[in-house]
Structures are given as structure tokens and as C-alpha cells.
Amino acid sequence: MNLPDAPIACKGFFATHFFTVSDVDQAKDFYVRILGGKVIKPENPCCIKLANTGILLNSVGGPTPDKPEVLLETPTDPNRVSSFLNLRVADIWACCKQWGDKGAFFLTEPLDNHGWKCRCYMRDPDGYLIEVGQYTQVALDWFKNHSYFWQPIPSSNCSKPILLL
């Protein structure tokens, strides 16, 4: 395991998103090949560094001693969702083209969301919903004027601060 990329909190905490999947290798391929993630730990659970967060992939199962009445399952109805992964991108059209060319399935093309952001949704191999969104200038201006929400992150690849939301 490459410790600089591992989901280890030096202080405070580090957030990751856990997906129960029917086929770890197929899910791993999606998050690595299509979204550009990096495998940190290949299995039990699979840990993938995805941009500035972590994705954990594990098979269905349970219960376990620490969750004695909980069963891990993949979505039974992809049109009933209680949570989803949210990806904020710098260029939504470029991301949709790149990921679509690699096999991602989008429910619609990017659409305006009340002038705040442009967004669309795709699904991973198990049917999990993933929002892909790009903030508009209206949203960016609002965040800049409400600085308690605005946390610039220094980056050698980006001349603008990155919005954390």
C-alpha cells in the first residue's frame, strides 16, 4: 500500500465512500479506467484513490460482529436512491465525452440546474447513481462572497482555488 495515497487521517478524519458491489473487479475497472482512480489496496475491501477522496468496494455479505443485523446489498431498484456519489468537475462536457468514450452510461446530457450548476447523472456497473456537476459563475461568485464555505486548496495543476462542497 502506498501510504501517501492511503485513506489514513493524520489528524481529524478522512472521508471515503463505501459501495457494496456484485463484482469487485468490474467495479474496480469502472472507477479506475473510466474515472481515473488509482488502486491503493486491491481487495477485501478494494480501496481506490479517486481525486481527493477514497472509494471502498466490497462484496455483498454480512452480518458481522460489529454490525450484527446489517446485510450489505447492491441496489435492488436503480430508480430508488437514498444517496449517491457527487463529482464536481471543471469541464462537464469534456468529462462526459471522455468518460462516455470509455463506456460510462449517462441518463441525460448535462442540463442546467436553476443557473446554479450544470449537471447530469451516470451509473456504475451495480447501478449506483453518480452526479457529475459543474458550478456556474453565479455559484462560484456566491461561494466567494460567503468565504466560510470557500476553502482554497493550493494545486500546481490549477490556477483557481478548488471549491470543496
Protein backbone atom coordinates (compact mmCIF):
# COMPACT_ATOMS: atom_id res chain seq x y z
CA MET A 1 0.00 0.00 0.00
CA ASN A 2 1.31 3.42 -0.94
CA LEU A 3 0.91 5.33 2.35
CA PRO A 4 0.83 8.86 0.84
CA ASP A 5 -2.26 7.77 -1.15
CA ALA A 6 -3.82 5.63 1.58
CA PRO A 7 -7.05 6.83 3.25
CA ILE A 8 -5.32 7.47 6.57
CA ALA A 9 -6.17 10.51 8.67
CA CYS A 10 -3.11 12.32 10.01
CA LYS A 11 -5.47 14.30 12.24
CA GLY A 12 -9.22 14.71 12.30
CA PHE A 13 -10.74 12.30 9.82
CA PHE A 14 -10.68 11.24 6.18
CA ALA A 15 -13.99 10.60 4.39
CA THR A 16 -14.43 7.74 1.93
CA HIS A 17 -17.49 6.34 0.19
CA PHE A 18 -18.24 2.61 0.57
CA PHE A 19 -20.00 0.71 -2.22
CA THR A 20 -21.31 -2.83 -1.87
CA VAL A 21 -20.73 -4.39 -5.29
CA SER A 22 -21.66 -7.62 -7.03
CA ASP A 23 -18.29 -7.89 -8.83
CA VAL A 24 -15.29 -6.13 -7.29
CA ASP A 25 -13.15 -6.44 -10.43
CA GLN A 26 -15.87 -4.94 -12.66
CA ALA A 27 -16.47 -2.06 -10.22
CA LYS A 28 -12.71 -1.52 -9.84
CA ASP A 29 -12.39 -1.29 -13.63
CA PHE A 30 -15.11 1.38 -13.76
CA TYR A 31 -13.62 3.60 -11.04
CA VAL A 32 -10.05 3.20 -12.35
CA ARG A 33 -10.40 3.03 -16.14
CA ILE A 34 -13.33 5.42 -16.61
CA LEU A 35 -12.93 7.87 -13.71
CA GLY A 36 -9.13 7.71 -13.40
CA GLY A 37 -8.89 6.31 -9.89
CA LYS A 38 -5.80 4.60 -8.51
CA VAL A 39 -5.96 1.23 -6.75
CA ILE A 40 -4.36 1.50 -3.32
CA LYS A 41 -5.50 -1.89 -1.98
CA PRO A 42 -6.88 -4.45 -4.47
CA GLU A 43 -9.42 -6.35 -2.32
CA ASN A 44 -11.19 -7.06 0.99
CA PRO A 45 -12.10 -4.19 0.65
CA CYS A 46 -10.70 -2.70 -2.53
CA CYS A 47 -9.50 0.85 -1.82
CA ILE A 48 -9.28 3.35 -4.67
CA LYS A 49 -7.97 6.89 -4.51
CA LEU A 50 -10.38 8.98 -6.57
CA ALA A 51 -9.34 12.62 -6.95
CA ASN A 52 -9.27 14.00 -3.39
CA THR A 53 -11.24 11.18 -1.71
CA GLY A 54 -11.37 7.42 -1.38
CA ILE A 55 -13.74 4.77 -2.69
CA LEU A 56 -14.08 1.42 -0.93
CA LEU A 57 -15.51 -1.54 -2.87
CA ASN A 58 -16.56 -4.78 -1.22
CA SER A 59 -18.77 -7.75 -1.97
CA VAL A 60 -22.25 -8.34 -0.61
CA GLY A 61 -22.34 -10.01 2.77
CA GLY A 62 -22.83 -9.77 6.47
CA PRO A 63 -23.78 -9.62 9.17
CA THR A 64 -20.51 -9.15 11.06
CA PRO A 65 -19.84 -8.85 14.81
CA ASP A 66 -19.65 -5.04 14.57
CA LYS A 67 -22.92 -4.79 12.58
CA PRO A 68 -24.84 -7.87 13.73
CA GLU A 69 -28.13 -7.18 11.93
CA VAL A 70 -26.82 -5.47 8.78
CA LEU A 71 -26.66 -7.12 5.35
CA LEU A 72 -24.66 -5.44 2.59
CA GLU A 73 -26.51 -5.49 -0.74
CA THR A 74 -26.29 -3.84 -4.12
CA PRO A 75 -29.19 -1.58 -5.16
CA THR A 76 -32.36 -3.59 -5.83
CA ASP A 77 -34.09 -0.78 -7.76
CA PRO A 78 -31.78 1.71 -9.50
CA ASN A 79 -34.60 4.27 -9.63
CA ARG A 80 -34.94 4.42 -5.83
CA VAL A 81 -31.89 6.12 -4.36
CA SER A 82 -31.04 7.15 -0.81
CA SER A 83 -27.55 8.51 -1.50
CA PHE A 84 -25.19 8.99 -4.41
CA LEU A 85 -21.64 9.99 -5.20
CA ASN A 86 -21.25 13.61 -6.25
CA LEU A 87 -18.38 14.59 -8.56
CA ARG A 88 -17.65 18.29 -9.11
CA VAL A 89 -15.72 18.83 -12.32
CA ALA A 90 -14.02 21.78 -14.02
CA ASP A 91 -15.41 20.99 -17.51
CA ILE A 92 -18.55 18.87 -17.51
CA TRP A 93 -18.75 18.49 -21.29
CA ALA A 94 -15.15 17.28 -21.55
CA CYS A 95 -15.65 14.82 -18.66
CA CYS A 96 -18.86 13.44 -20.16
CA LYS A 97 -17.20 12.95 -23.53
CA GLN A 98 -14.08 11.35 -22.04
CA TRP A 99 -15.99 9.05 -19.68
CA GLY A 100 -18.67 8.28 -22.27
CA ASP A 101 -15.98 7.29 -24.78
CA LYS A 102 -14.69 4.84 -22.15
CA GLY A 103 -18.13 3.29 -21.64
CA ALA A 104 -19.86 5.35 -18.96
CA PHE A 105 -23.66 5.47 -19.32
CA PHE A 106 -25.28 8.87 -18.71
CA LEU A 107 -29.00 9.22 -18.04
CA THR A 108 -29.09 12.58 -19.89
CA GLU A 109 -26.68 15.11 -21.29
CA PRO A 110 -25.61 17.88 -18.88
CA LEU A 111 -28.57 20.11 -18.03
CA ASP A 112 -28.84 23.50 -16.30
CA ASN A 113 -29.96 23.29 -12.68
CA HIS A 114 -31.60 26.67 -11.98
CA GLY A 115 -28.48 28.59 -13.04
CA TRP A 116 -26.50 27.23 -10.07
CA LYS A 117 -24.78 24.33 -11.76
CA CYS A 118 -24.89 22.19 -14.85
CA ARG A 119 -25.32 18.51 -14.01
CA CYS A 120 -26.04 15.05 -15.30
CA TYR A 121 -26.02 11.57 -13.84
CA MET A 122 -24.33 8.31 -14.71
CA ARG A 123 -24.40 4.83 -13.22
CA ASP A 124 -21.64 2.49 -12.16
CA PRO A 125 -21.80 -1.25 -13.02
CA ASP A 126 -24.02 -2.02 -9.99
CA GLY A 127 -26.44 0.79 -10.81
CA TYR A 128 -25.22 3.30 -8.22
CA LEU A 129 -26.08 6.84 -9.25
CA ILE A 130 -23.22 9.32 -9.69
CA GLU A 131 -23.87 13.02 -10.15
CA VAL A 132 -21.43 14.89 -12.39
CA GLY A 133 -21.75 18.64 -11.95
CA GLN A 134 -20.03 21.90 -12.76
CA TYR A 135 -20.79 25.08 -10.85
CA THR A 136 -21.76 28.16 -12.84
CA GLN A 137 -20.17 31.56 -12.34
CA VAL A 138 -23.23 32.55 -10.26
CA ALA A 139 -22.45 29.74 -7.80
CA LEU A 140 -18.73 30.48 -7.74
CA ASP A 141 -19.42 34.17 -7.02
CA TRP A 142 -21.79 33.21 -4.19
CA PHE A 143 -19.16 30.97 -2.60
CA LYS A 144 -16.51 33.67 -2.90
CA ASN A 145 -18.84 36.14 -1.16
CA HIS A 146 -19.58 33.63 1.60
CA SER A 147 -15.98 32.80 2.45
CA TYR A 148 -16.84 30.45 5.33
CA PHE A 149 -17.83 27.94 2.60
CA TRP A 150 -14.82 28.66 0.42
CA GLN A 151 -11.64 26.72 1.12
CA PRO A 152 -8.95 27.25 -1.49
CA ILE A 153 -6.61 24.31 -1.96
CA PRO A 154 -3.18 25.01 -3.43
CA SER A 155 -2.62 22.99 -6.57
CA SER A 156 0.14 23.07 -9.14
CA ASN A 157 -2.36 21.86 -11.77
CA CYS A 158 -4.99 24.53 -11.19
CA SER A 159 -4.68 28.29 -11.28
CA LYS A 160 -8.02 28.75 -9.47
CA PRO A 161 -8.93 27.61 -5.95
CA ILE A 162 -10.92 24.39 -5.78
CA LEU A 163 -14.36 24.54 -4.25
CA LEU A 164 -15.00 21.95 -1.54
CA LEU A 165 -18.67 21.01 -1.48
